Amino acid sequence: GQPYNATNPQELEAAMQAIAQTVASCDFVLDDTPPDEDKIYVFFDDEEPGLPNDGDNGWTYDPDTNTLHFHGEACEAIQNGEVADIDVVYGCNLPIPG
């Protein structure tokens, strides 16, 4: 690893942000395989509407690895620590979180 200067607050803050970004992954492996790929719904912190199935600023699903991949603004929100809870619901019509 790379050493960081802990006596310089600005360098330490930059180092912590860099570490957090490498730790916060934009890939989310699902525990169960969704029965219908067209009925996957993703919510950040119970916010409505859910995130779009979108390769630019939302999420995509990879059935080969059973993984959701977050892209663009959605990925940045995860990496910046702006998301406390990711809810994935599948197998039904669009649910209302809460």
PDB file of N, CA and C in Angstrom:
ATOM      1  N   GLY A   1       0.805  -1.183   0.000  1.00  0.00           N
ATOM      2  CA  GLY A   1       0.000   0.000   0.000  1.00  0.00           C
ATOM      3  C   GLY A   1       0.844   1.241   0.000  1.00  0.00           C
ATOM      4  N   GLN A   2       0.178   2.336  -0.092  1.00  0.00           N
ATOM      5  CA  GLN A   2       0.833   3.636  -0.146  1.00  0.00           C
ATOM      6  C   GLN A   2       0.752   4.302   1.220  1.00  0.00           C
ATOM      7  N   PRO A   3       1.878   4.842   1.733  1.00  0.00           N
ATOM      8  CA  PRO A   3       1.819   5.548   3.021  1.00  0.00           C
ATOM      9  C   PRO A   3       1.171   6.922   2.854  1.00  0.00           C
ATOM     10  N   TYR A   4       0.494   7.372   3.890  1.00  0.00           N
ATOM     11  CA  TYR A   4      -0.157   8.680   3.879  1.00  0.00           C
ATOM     12  C   TYR A   4       0.349   9.498   5.053  1.00  0.00           C
ATOM     13  N   ASN A   5       0.452  10.808   4.865  1.00  0.00           N
ATOM     14  CA  ASN A   5       0.913  11.719   5.904  1.00  0.00           C
ATOM     15  C   ASN A   5      -0.254  12.047   6.822  1.00  0.00           C
ATOM     16  N   ALA A   6      -0.275  11.439   7.994  1.00  0.00           N
ATOM     17  CA  ALA A   6      -1.385  11.631   8.934  1.00  0.00           C
ATOM     18  C   ALA A   6      -1.291  12.947   9.685  1.00  0.00           C
ATOM     19  N   THR A   7      -0.184  13.684   9.538  1.00  0.00           N
ATOM     20  CA  THR A   7      -0.057  14.966  10.239  1.00  0.00           C
ATOM     21  C   THR A   7      -0.599  16.125   9.413  1.00  0.00           C
ATOM     22  N   ASN A   8      -0.895  15.883   8.143  1.00  0.00           N
ATOM     23  CA  ASN A   8      -1.444  16.924   7.279  1.00  0.00           C
ATOM     24  C   ASN A   8      -2.928  16.631   7.058  1.00  0.00           C
ATOM     25  N   PRO A   9      -3.820  17.450   7.651  1.00  0.00           N
ATOM     26  CA  PRO A   9      -5.266  17.160   7.566  1.00  0.00           C
ATOM     27  C   PRO A   9      -5.797  17.067   6.134  1.00  0.00           C
ATOM     28  N   GLN A  10      -5.314  17.914   5.232  1.00  0.00           N
ATOM     29  CA  GLN A  10      -5.804  17.886   3.853  1.00  0.00           C
ATOM     30  C   GLN A  10      -5.393  16.586   3.155  1.00  0.00           C
ATOM     31  N   GLU A  11      -4.141  16.180   3.354  1.00  0.00           N
ATOM     32  CA  GLU A  11      -3.682  14.938   2.734  1.00  0.00           C
ATOM     33  C   GLU A  11      -4.402  13.731   3.325  1.00  0.00           C
ATOM     34  N   LEU A  12      -4.643  13.766   4.629  1.00  0.00           N
ATOM     35  CA  LEU A  12      -5.338  12.661   5.280  1.00  0.00           C
ATOM     36  C   LEU A  12      -6.775  12.550   4.772  1.00  0.00           C
ATOM     37  N   GLU A  13      -7.453  13.690   4.637  1.00  0.00           N
ATOM     38  CA  GLU A  13      -8.829  13.695   4.118  1.00  0.00           C
ATOM     39  C   GLU A  13      -8.865  13.142   2.693  1.00  0.00           C
ATOM     40  N   ALA A  14      -7.932  13.586   1.853  1.00  0.00           N
ATOM     41  CA  ALA A  14      -7.877  13.099   0.471  1.00  0.00           C
ATOM     42  C   ALA A  14      -7.600  11.597   0.440  1.00  0.00           C
ATOM     43  N   ALA A  15      -6.722  11.132   1.322  1.00  0.00           N
ATOM     44  CA  ALA A  15      -6.408   9.706   1.382  1.00  0.00           C
ATOM     45  C   ALA A  15      -7.623   8.901   1.816  1.00  0.00           C
ATOM     46  N   MET A  16      -8.359   9.388   2.806  1.00  0.00           N
ATOM     47  CA  MET A  16      -9.546   8.675   3.284  1.00  0.00           C
ATOM     48  C   MET A  16     -10.611   8.595   2.193  1.00  0.00           C
ATOM     49  N   GLN A  17     -10.782   9.669   1.433  1.00  0.00           N
ATOM     50  CA  GLN A  17     -11.752   9.649   0.336  1.00  0.00           C
ATOM     51  C   GLN A  17     -11.328   8.655  -0.742  1.00  0.00           C
ATOM     52  N   ALA A  18     -10.047   8.617  -1.045  1.00  0.00           N
ATOM     53  CA  ALA A  18      -9.551   7.677  -2.054  1.00  0.00           C
ATOM     54  C   ALA A  18      -9.759   6.239  -1.595  1.00  0.00           C
ATOM     55  N   ILE A  19      -9.500   5.977  -0.319  1.00  0.00           N
ATOM     56  CA  ILE A  19      -9.694   4.634   0.224  1.00  0.00           C
ATOM     57  C   ILE A  19     -11.172   4.256   0.188  1.00  0.00           C
ATOM     58  N   ALA A  20     -12.038   5.179   0.593  1.00  0.00           N
ATOM     59  CA  ALA A  20     -13.478   4.907   0.608  1.00  0.00           C
ATOM     60  C   ALA A  20     -13.988   4.594  -0.792  1.00  0.00           C
ATOM     61  N   GLN A  21     -13.477   5.293  -1.794  1.00  0.00           N
ATOM     62  CA  GLN A  21     -13.935   5.055  -3.161  1.00  0.00           C
ATOM     63  C   GLN A  21     -13.504   3.688  -3.668  1.00  0.00           C
ATOM     64  N   THR A  22     -12.353   3.200  -3.216  1.00  0.00           N
ATOM     65  CA  THR A  22     -11.929   1.883  -3.668  1.00  0.00           C
ATOM     66  C   THR A  22     -12.672   0.785  -2.923  1.00  0.00           C
ATOM     67  N   VAL A  23     -13.117   1.064  -1.704  1.00  0.00           N
ATOM     68  CA  VAL A  23     -13.828   0.071  -0.902  1.00  0.00           C
ATOM     69  C   VAL A  23     -15.286  -0.035  -1.333  1.00  0.00           C
ATOM     70  N   ALA A  24     -15.929   1.092  -1.619  1.00  0.00           N
ATOM     71  CA  ALA A  24     -17.342   1.115  -1.989  1.00  0.00           C
ATOM     72  C   ALA A  24     -17.482   0.660  -3.442  1.00  0.00           C
ATOM     73  N   SER A  25     -17.925  -0.551  -3.616  1.00  0.00           N
ATOM     74  CA  SER A  25     -18.050  -1.127  -4.945  1.00  0.00           C
ATOM     75  C   SER A  25     -19.366  -0.718  -5.594  1.00  0.00           C
ATOM     76  N   CYS A  26     -19.338  -0.654  -6.901  1.00  0.00           N
ATOM     77  CA  CYS A  26     -20.557  -0.375  -7.656  1.00  0.00           C
ATOM     78  C   CYS A  26     -21.175  -1.668  -8.188  1.00  0.00           C
ATOM     79  N   ASP A  27     -20.731  -2.785  -7.662  1.00  0.00           N
ATOM     80  CA  ASP A  27     -21.288  -4.090  -8.013  1.00  0.00           C
ATOM     81  C   ASP A  27     -21.932  -4.695  -6.775  1.00  0.00           C
ATOM     82  N   PHE A  28     -23.123  -5.253  -6.951  1.00  0.00           N
ATOM     83  CA  PHE A  28     -23.905  -5.782  -5.839  1.00  0.00           C
ATOM     84  C   PHE A  28     -24.369  -7.181  -6.218  1.00  0.00           C
ATOM     85  N   VAL A  29     -23.733  -8.201  -5.654  1.00  0.00           N
ATOM     86  CA  VAL A  29     -24.093  -9.589  -5.954  1.00  0.00           C
ATOM     87  C   VAL A  29     -25.360  -9.941  -5.184  1.00  0.00           C
ATOM     88  N   LEU A  30     -26.360 -10.449  -5.899  1.00  0.00           N
ATOM     89  CA  LEU A  30     -27.631 -10.811  -5.275  1.00  0.00           C
ATOM     90  C   LEU A  30     -27.527 -12.174  -4.600  1.00  0.00           C
ATOM     91  N   ASP A  31     -28.224 -12.326  -3.485  1.00  0.00           N
ATOM     92  CA  ASP A  31     -28.242 -13.603  -2.771  1.00  0.00           C
ATOM     93  C   ASP A  31     -29.034 -14.664  -3.536  1.00  0.00           C
ATOM     94  N   ASP A  32     -30.137 -14.244  -4.150  1.00  0.00           N
ATOM     95  CA  ASP A  32     -31.008 -15.157  -4.887  1.00  0.00           C
ATOM     96  C   ASP A  32     -31.102 -14.705  -6.337  1.00  0.00           C
ATOM     97  N   THR A  33     -31.348 -15.640  -7.227  1.00  0.00           N
ATOM     98  CA  THR A  33     -31.517 -15.313  -8.639  1.00  0.00           C
ATOM     99  C   THR A  33     -32.934 -14.817  -8.879  1.00  0.00           C
ATOM    100  N   PRO A  34     -33.085 -13.634  -9.473  1.00  0.00           N
ATOM    101  CA  PRO A  34     -34.427 -13.128  -9.761  1.00  0.00           C
ATOM    102  C   PRO A  34     -35.161 -14.051 -10.734  1.00  0.00           C
ATOM    103  N   PRO A  35     -36.430 -14.357 -10.461  1.00  0.00           N
ATOM    104  CA  PRO A  35     -37.185 -15.231 -11.357  1.00  0.00           C
ATOM    105  C   PRO A  35     -37.507 -14.570 -12.695  1.00  0.00           C
ATOM    106  N   ASP A  36     -37.546 -13.241 -12.717  1.00  0.00           N
ATOM    107  CA  ASP A  36     -37.885 -12.506 -13.932  1.00  0.00           C
ATOM    108  C   ASP A  36     -37.016 -11.254 -13.987  1.00  0.00           C
ATOM    109  N   GLU A  37     -36.091 -11.212 -14.940  1.00  0.00           N
ATOM    110  CA  GLU A  37     -35.171 -10.073 -15.050  1.00  0.00           C
ATOM    111  C   GLU A  37     -35.893  -8.760 -15.326  1.00  0.00           C
ATOM    112  N   ASP A  38     -37.107  -8.830 -15.850  1.00  0.00           N
ATOM    113  CA  ASP A  38     -37.871  -7.619 -16.147  1.00  0.00           C
ATOM    114  C   ASP A  38     -38.582  -7.067 -14.919  1.00  0.00           C
ATOM    115  N   LYS A  39     -38.522  -7.800 -13.815  1.00  0.00           N
ATOM    116  CA  LYS A  39     -39.189  -7.353 -12.589  1.00  0.00           C
ATOM    117  C   LYS A  39     -38.184  -7.244 -11.444  1.00  0.00           C
ATOM    118  N   ILE A  40     -37.131  -6.463 -11.702  1.00  0.00           N
ATOM    119  CA  ILE A  40     -36.143  -6.137 -10.673  1.00  0.00           C
ATOM    120  C   ILE A  40     -36.284  -4.644 -10.400  1.00  0.00           C
ATOM    121  N   TYR A  41     -36.391  -4.290  -9.134  1.00  0.00           N
ATOM    122  CA  TYR A  41     -36.554  -2.888  -8.741  1.00  0.00           C
ATOM    123  C   TYR A  41     -35.515  -2.561  -7.679  1.00  0.00           C
ATOM    124  N   VAL A  42     -34.870  -1.407  -7.837  1.00  0.00           N
ATOM    125  CA  VAL A  42     -33.790  -1.014  -6.936  1.00  0.00           C
ATOM    126  C   VAL A  42     -34.099   0.357  -6.348  1.00  0.00           C
ATOM    127  N   PHE A  43     -33.939   0.448  -5.033  1.00  0.00           N
ATOM    128  CA  PHE A  43     -34.197   1.696  -4.319  1.00  0.00           C
ATOM    129  C   PHE A  43     -32.993   2.050  -3.458  1.00  0.00           C
ATOM    130  N   PHE A  44     -32.629   3.323  -3.440  1.00  0.00           N
ATOM    131  CA  PHE A  44     -31.637   3.837  -2.499  1.00  0.00           C
ATOM    132  C   PHE A  44     -32.391   4.496  -1.360  1.00  0.00           C
ATOM    133  N   ASP A  45     -32.152   4.062  -0.147  1.00  0.00           N
ATOM    134  CA  ASP A  45     -32.715   4.688   1.057  1.00  0.00           C
ATOM    135  C   ASP A  45     -34.234   4.861   0.983  1.00  0.00           C
ATOM    136  N   ASP A  46     -34.944   3.885   0.425  1.00  0.00           N
ATOM    137  CA  ASP A  46     -36.409   3.880   0.320  1.00  0.00           C
ATOM    138  C   ASP A  46     -36.966   5.065  -0.461  1.00  0.00           C
ATOM    139  N   GLU A  47     -36.146   5.682  -1.318  1.00  0.00           N
ATOM    140  CA  GLU A  47     -36.613   6.839  -2.085  1.00  0.00           C
ATOM    141  C   GLU A  47     -37.404   6.385  -3.304  1.00  0.00           C
ATOM    142  N   GLU A  48     -38.468   7.130  -3.587  1.00  0.00           N
ATOM    143  CA  GLU A  48     -39.254   6.889  -4.792  1.00  0.00           C
ATOM    144  C   GLU A  48     -38.962   7.992  -5.791  1.00  0.00           C
ATOM    145  N   PRO A  49     -38.988   7.758  -7.060  1.00  0.00           N
ATOM    146  CA  PRO A  49     -39.121   6.429  -7.648  1.00  0.00           C
ATOM    147  C   PRO A  49     -37.811   5.663  -7.508  1.00  0.00           C
ATOM    148  N   GLY A  50     -37.844   4.400  -7.803  1.00  0.00           N
ATOM    149  CA  GLY A  50     -36.626   3.596  -7.742  1.00  0.00           C
ATOM    150  C   GLY A  50     -35.641   4.009  -8.826  1.00  0.00           C
ATOM    151  N   LEU A  51     -34.459   3.453  -8.755  1.00  0.00           N
ATOM    152  CA  LEU A  51     -33.435   3.742  -9.760  1.00  0.00           C
ATOM    153  C   LEU A  51     -33.813   3.108 -11.090  1.00  0.00           C
ATOM    154  N   PRO A  52     -33.498   3.783 -12.194  1.00  0.00           N
ATOM    155  CA  PRO A  52     -33.826   3.202 -13.496  1.00  0.00           C
ATOM    156  C   PRO A  52     -32.862   2.081 -13.884  1.00  0.00           C
ATOM    157  N   ASN A  53     -33.369   1.136 -14.656  1.00  0.00           N
ATOM    158  CA  ASN A  53     -32.523   0.115 -15.269  1.00  0.00           C
ATOM    159  C   ASN A  53     -31.876   0.800 -16.465  1.00  0.00           C
ATOM    160  N   ASP A  54     -30.686   1.370 -16.223  1.00  0.00           N
ATOM    161  CA  ASP A  54     -30.061   2.277 -17.179  1.00  0.00           C
ATOM    162  C   ASP A  54     -28.540   2.169 -17.044  1.00  0.00           C
ATOM    163  N   GLY A  55     -27.860   1.912 -18.136  1.00  0.00           N
ATOM    164  CA  GLY A  55     -26.411   1.783 -18.123  1.00  0.00           C
ATOM    165  C   GLY A  55     -25.663   3.085 -17.993  1.00  0.00           C
ATOM    166  N   ASP A  56     -26.373   4.222 -18.039  1.00  0.00           N
ATOM    167  CA  ASP A  56     -25.706   5.519 -17.888  1.00  0.00           C
ATOM    168  C   ASP A  56     -25.742   6.024 -16.447  1.00  0.00           C
ATOM    169  N   ASN A  57     -26.928   6.079 -15.848  1.00  0.00           N
ATOM    170  CA  ASN A  57     -27.078   6.645 -14.502  1.00  0.00           C
ATOM    171  C   ASN A  57     -28.009   5.817 -13.630  1.00  0.00           C
ATOM    172  N   GLY A  58     -27.929   4.535 -13.741  1.00  0.00           N
ATOM    173  CA  GLY A  58     -28.792   3.658 -12.955  1.00  0.00           C
ATOM    174  C   GLY A  58     -28.081   2.348 -12.694  1.00  0.00           C
ATOM    175  N   TRP A  59     -28.749   1.259 -13.073  1.00  0.00           N
ATOM    176  CA  TRP A  59     -28.181  -0.062 -12.834  1.00  0.00           C
ATOM    177  C   TRP A  59     -28.467  -0.976 -14.013  1.00  0.00           C
ATOM    178  N   THR A  60     -27.649  -2.016 -14.133  1.00  0.00           N
ATOM    179  CA  THR A  60     -27.890  -3.088 -15.084  1.00  0.00           C
ATOM    180  C   THR A  60     -27.691  -4.408 -14.341  1.00  0.00           C
ATOM    181  N   TYR A  61     -28.316  -5.447 -14.854  1.00  0.00           N
ATOM    182  CA  TYR A  61     -28.233  -6.773 -14.235  1.00  0.00           C
ATOM    183  C   TYR A  61     -27.455  -7.710 -15.137  1.00  0.00           C
ATOM    184  N   ASP A  62     -26.510  -8.445 -14.568  1.00  0.00           N
ATOM    185  CA  ASP A  62     -25.743  -9.451 -15.296  1.00  0.00           C
ATOM    186  C   ASP A  62     -26.184 -10.831 -14.815  1.00  0.00           C
ATOM    187  N   PRO A  63     -26.982 -11.551 -15.613  1.00  0.00           N
ATOM    188  CA  PRO A  63     -27.483 -12.854 -15.173  1.00  0.00           C
ATOM    189  C   PRO A  63     -26.377 -13.906 -15.023  1.00  0.00           C
ATOM    190  N   ASP A  64     -25.270 -13.744 -15.744  1.00  0.00           N
ATOM    191  CA  ASP A  64     -24.182 -14.724 -15.653  1.00  0.00           C
ATOM    192  C   ASP A  64     -23.520 -14.723 -14.278  1.00  0.00           C
ATOM    193  N   THR A  65     -23.461 -13.541 -13.650  1.00  0.00           N
ATOM    194  CA  THR A  65     -22.828 -13.430 -12.329  1.00  0.00           C
ATOM    195  C   THR A  65     -23.839 -13.116 -11.233  1.00  0.00           C
ATOM    196  N   ASN A  66     -25.130 -12.976 -11.614  1.00  0.00           N
ATOM    197  CA  ASN A  66     -26.201 -12.625 -10.668  1.00  0.00           C
ATOM    198  C   ASN A  66     -25.850 -11.343  -9.911  1.00  0.00           C
ATOM    199  N   THR A  67     -25.380 -10.348 -10.674  1.00  0.00           N
ATOM    200  CA  THR A  67     -24.862  -9.111 -10.094  1.00  0.00           C
ATOM    201  C   THR A  67     -25.557  -7.895 -10.684  1.00  0.00           C
ATOM    202  N   LEU A  68     -25.889  -6.936  -9.807  1.00  0.00           N
ATOM    203  CA  LEU A  68     -26.326  -5.619 -10.249  1.00  0.00           C
ATOM    204  C   LEU A  68     -25.087  -4.741 -10.356  1.00  0.00           C
ATOM    205  N   HIS A  69     -24.973  -4.026 -11.458  1.00  0.00           N
ATOM    206  CA  HIS A  69     -23.872  -3.086 -11.655  1.00  0.00           C
ATOM    207  C   HIS A  69     -24.480  -1.687 -11.659  1.00  0.00           C
ATOM    208  N   PHE A  70     -23.968  -0.813 -10.802  1.00  0.00           N
ATOM    209  CA  PHE A  70     -24.448   0.564 -10.747  1.00  0.00           C
ATOM    210  C   PHE A  70     -23.550   1.434 -11.609  1.00  0.00           C
ATOM    211  N   HIS A  71     -24.157   2.418 -12.287  1.00  0.00           N
ATOM    212  CA  HIS A  71     -23.449   3.244 -13.256  1.00  0.00           C
ATOM    213  C   HIS A  71     -23.691   4.727 -12.990  1.00  0.00           C
ATOM    214  N   GLY A  72     -22.761   5.556 -13.453  1.00  0.00           N
ATOM    215  CA  GLY A  72     -22.922   7.004 -13.432  1.00  0.00           C
ATOM    216  C   GLY A  72     -23.217   7.570 -12.060  1.00  0.00           C
ATOM    217  N   GLU A  73     -24.291   8.374 -11.992  1.00  0.00           N
ATOM    218  CA  GLU A  73     -24.656   9.043 -10.740  1.00  0.00           C
ATOM    219  C   GLU A  73     -24.978   8.051  -9.629  1.00  0.00           C
ATOM    220  N   ALA A  74     -25.545   6.904  -9.967  1.00  0.00           N
ATOM    221  CA  ALA A  74     -25.869   5.898  -8.950  1.00  0.00           C
ATOM    222  C   ALA A  74     -24.590   5.346  -8.327  1.00  0.00           C
ATOM    223  N   CYS A  75     -23.603   5.047  -9.145  1.00  0.00           N
ATOM    224  CA  CYS A  75     -22.323   4.542  -8.647  1.00  0.00           C
ATOM    225  C   CYS A  75     -21.626   5.615  -7.805  1.00  0.00           C
ATOM    226  N   GLU A  76     -21.630   6.850  -8.293  1.00  0.00           N
ATOM    227  CA  GLU A  76     -20.992   7.943  -7.554  1.00  0.00           C
ATOM    228  C   GLU A  76     -21.630   8.129  -6.188  1.00  0.00           C
ATOM    229  N   ALA A  77     -22.948   8.017  -6.108  1.00  0.00           N
ATOM    230  CA  ALA A  77     -23.637   8.172  -4.824  1.00  0.00           C
ATOM    231  C   ALA A  77     -23.186   7.095  -3.840  1.00  0.00           C
ATOM    232  N   ILE A  78     -23.006   5.867  -4.322  1.00  0.00           N
ATOM    233  CA  ILE A  78     -22.523   4.781  -3.462  1.00  0.00           C
ATOM    234  C   ILE A  78     -21.100   5.079  -3.005  1.00  0.00           C
ATOM    235  N   GLN A  79     -20.237   5.432  -3.949  1.00  0.00           N
ATOM    236  CA  GLN A  79     -18.832   5.667  -3.625  1.00  0.00           C
ATOM    237  C   GLN A  79     -18.630   6.882  -2.729  1.00  0.00           C
ATOM    238  N   ASN A  80     -19.513   7.862  -2.827  1.00  0.00           N
ATOM    239  CA  ASN A  80     -19.393   9.065  -2.000  1.00  0.00           C
ATOM    240  C   ASN A  80     -20.036   8.903  -0.630  1.00  0.00           C
ATOM    241  N   GLY A  81     -20.575   7.727  -0.346  1.00  0.00           N
ATOM    242  CA  GLY A  81     -21.181   7.485   0.958  1.00  0.00           C
ATOM    243  C   GLY A  81     -22.542   8.128   1.133  1.00  0.00           C
ATOM    244  N   GLU A  82     -23.210   8.470   0.021  1.00  0.00           N
ATOM    245  CA  GLU A  82     -24.514   9.128   0.084  1.00  0.00           C
ATOM    246  C   GLU A  82     -25.662   8.132   0.232  1.00  0.00           C
ATOM    247  N   VAL A  83     -25.372   6.840   0.115  1.00  0.00           N
ATOM    248  CA  VAL A  83     -26.402   5.804   0.169  1.00  0.00           C
ATOM    249  C   VAL A  83     -26.191   4.957   1.418  1.00  0.00           C
ATOM    250  N   ALA A  84     -27.199   4.932   2.287  1.00  0.00           N
ATOM    251  CA  ALA A  84     -27.104   4.131   3.511  1.00  0.00           C
ATOM    252  C   ALA A  84     -27.712   2.748   3.319  1.00  0.00           C
ATOM    253  N   ASP A  85     -28.706   2.635   2.415  1.00  0.00           N
ATOM    254  CA  ASP A  85     -29.447   1.387   2.275  1.00  0.00           C
ATOM    255  C   ASP A  85     -29.791   1.144   0.812  1.00  0.00           C
ATOM    256  N   ILE A  86     -29.456  -0.035   0.311  1.00  0.00           N
ATOM    257  CA  ILE A  86     -29.829  -0.436  -1.044  1.00  0.00           C
ATOM    258  C   ILE A  86     -30.846  -1.556  -0.921  1.00  0.00           C
ATOM    259  N   ASP A  87     -32.047  -1.322  -1.450  1.00  0.00           N
ATOM    260  CA  ASP A  87     -33.099  -2.337  -1.435  1.00  0.00           C
ATOM    261  C   ASP A  87     -33.307  -2.851  -2.849  1.00  0.00           C
ATOM    262  N   VAL A  88     -33.283  -4.169  -3.000  1.00  0.00           N
ATOM    263  CA  VAL A  88     -33.542  -4.809  -4.285  1.00  0.00           C
ATOM    264  C   VAL A  88     -34.751  -5.707  -4.103  1.00  0.00           C
ATOM    265  N   VAL A  89     -35.779  -5.460  -4.909  1.00  0.00           N
ATOM    266  CA  VAL A  89     -37.016  -6.236  -4.844  1.00  0.00           C
ATOM    267  C   VAL A  89     -37.236  -6.828  -6.230  1.00  0.00           C
ATOM    268  N   TYR A  90     -37.618  -8.110  -6.277  1.00  0.00           N
ATOM    269  CA  TYR A  90     -37.881  -8.706  -7.584  1.00  0.00           C
ATOM    270  C   TYR A  90     -38.960  -9.771  -7.494  1.00  0.00           C
ATOM    271  N   GLY A  91     -39.534 -10.039  -8.682  1.00  0.00           N
ATOM    272  CA  GLY A  91     -40.533 -11.087  -8.766  1.00  0.00           C
ATOM    273  C   GLY A  91     -41.967 -10.621  -8.625  1.00  0.00           C
ATOM    274  N   CYS A  92     -42.200  -9.323  -8.617  1.00  0.00           N
ATOM    275  CA  CYS A  92     -43.565  -8.807  -8.487  1.00  0.00           C
ATOM    276  C   CYS A  92     -43.667  -7.516  -9.277  1.00  0.00           C
ATOM    277  N   ASN A  93     -44.831  -6.892  -9.253  1.00  0.00           N
ATOM    278  CA  ASN A  93     -44.977  -5.592  -9.878  1.00  0.00           C
ATOM    279  C   ASN A  93     -44.267  -4.555  -9.027  1.00  0.00           C
ATOM    280  N   LEU A  94     -44.086  -3.361  -9.568  1.00  0.00           N
ATOM    281  CA  LEU A  94     -43.350  -2.298  -8.880  1.00  0.00           C
ATOM    282  C   LEU A  94     -43.879  -2.084  -7.470  1.00  0.00           C
ATOM    283  N   PRO A  95     -43.049  -2.365  -6.452  1.00  0.00           N
ATOM    284  CA  PRO A  95     -43.486  -2.159  -5.062  1.00  0.00           C
ATOM    285  C   PRO A  95     -43.306  -0.712  -4.643  1.00  0.00           C
ATOM    286  N   ILE A  96     -43.956  -0.345  -3.588  1.00  0.00           N
ATOM    287  CA  ILE A  96     -43.784   0.975  -2.984  1.00  0.00           C
ATOM    288  C   ILE A  96     -43.001   0.762  -1.697  1.00  0.00           C
ATOM    289  N   PRO A  97     -41.761   1.305  -1.630  1.00  0.00           N
ATOM    290  CA  PRO A  97     -40.944   1.076  -0.438  1.00  0.00           C
ATOM    291  C   PRO A  97     -41.523   1.782   0.776  1.00  0.00           C
ATOM    292  N   GLY A  98     -41.069   1.321   1.925  1.00  0.00           N
ATOM    293  CA  GLY A  98     -41.505   2.016   3.129  1.00  0.00           C
ATOM    294  C   GLY A  98     -41.565   1.177   4.331  1.00  0.00           C
TER     295      GLY A  98
END
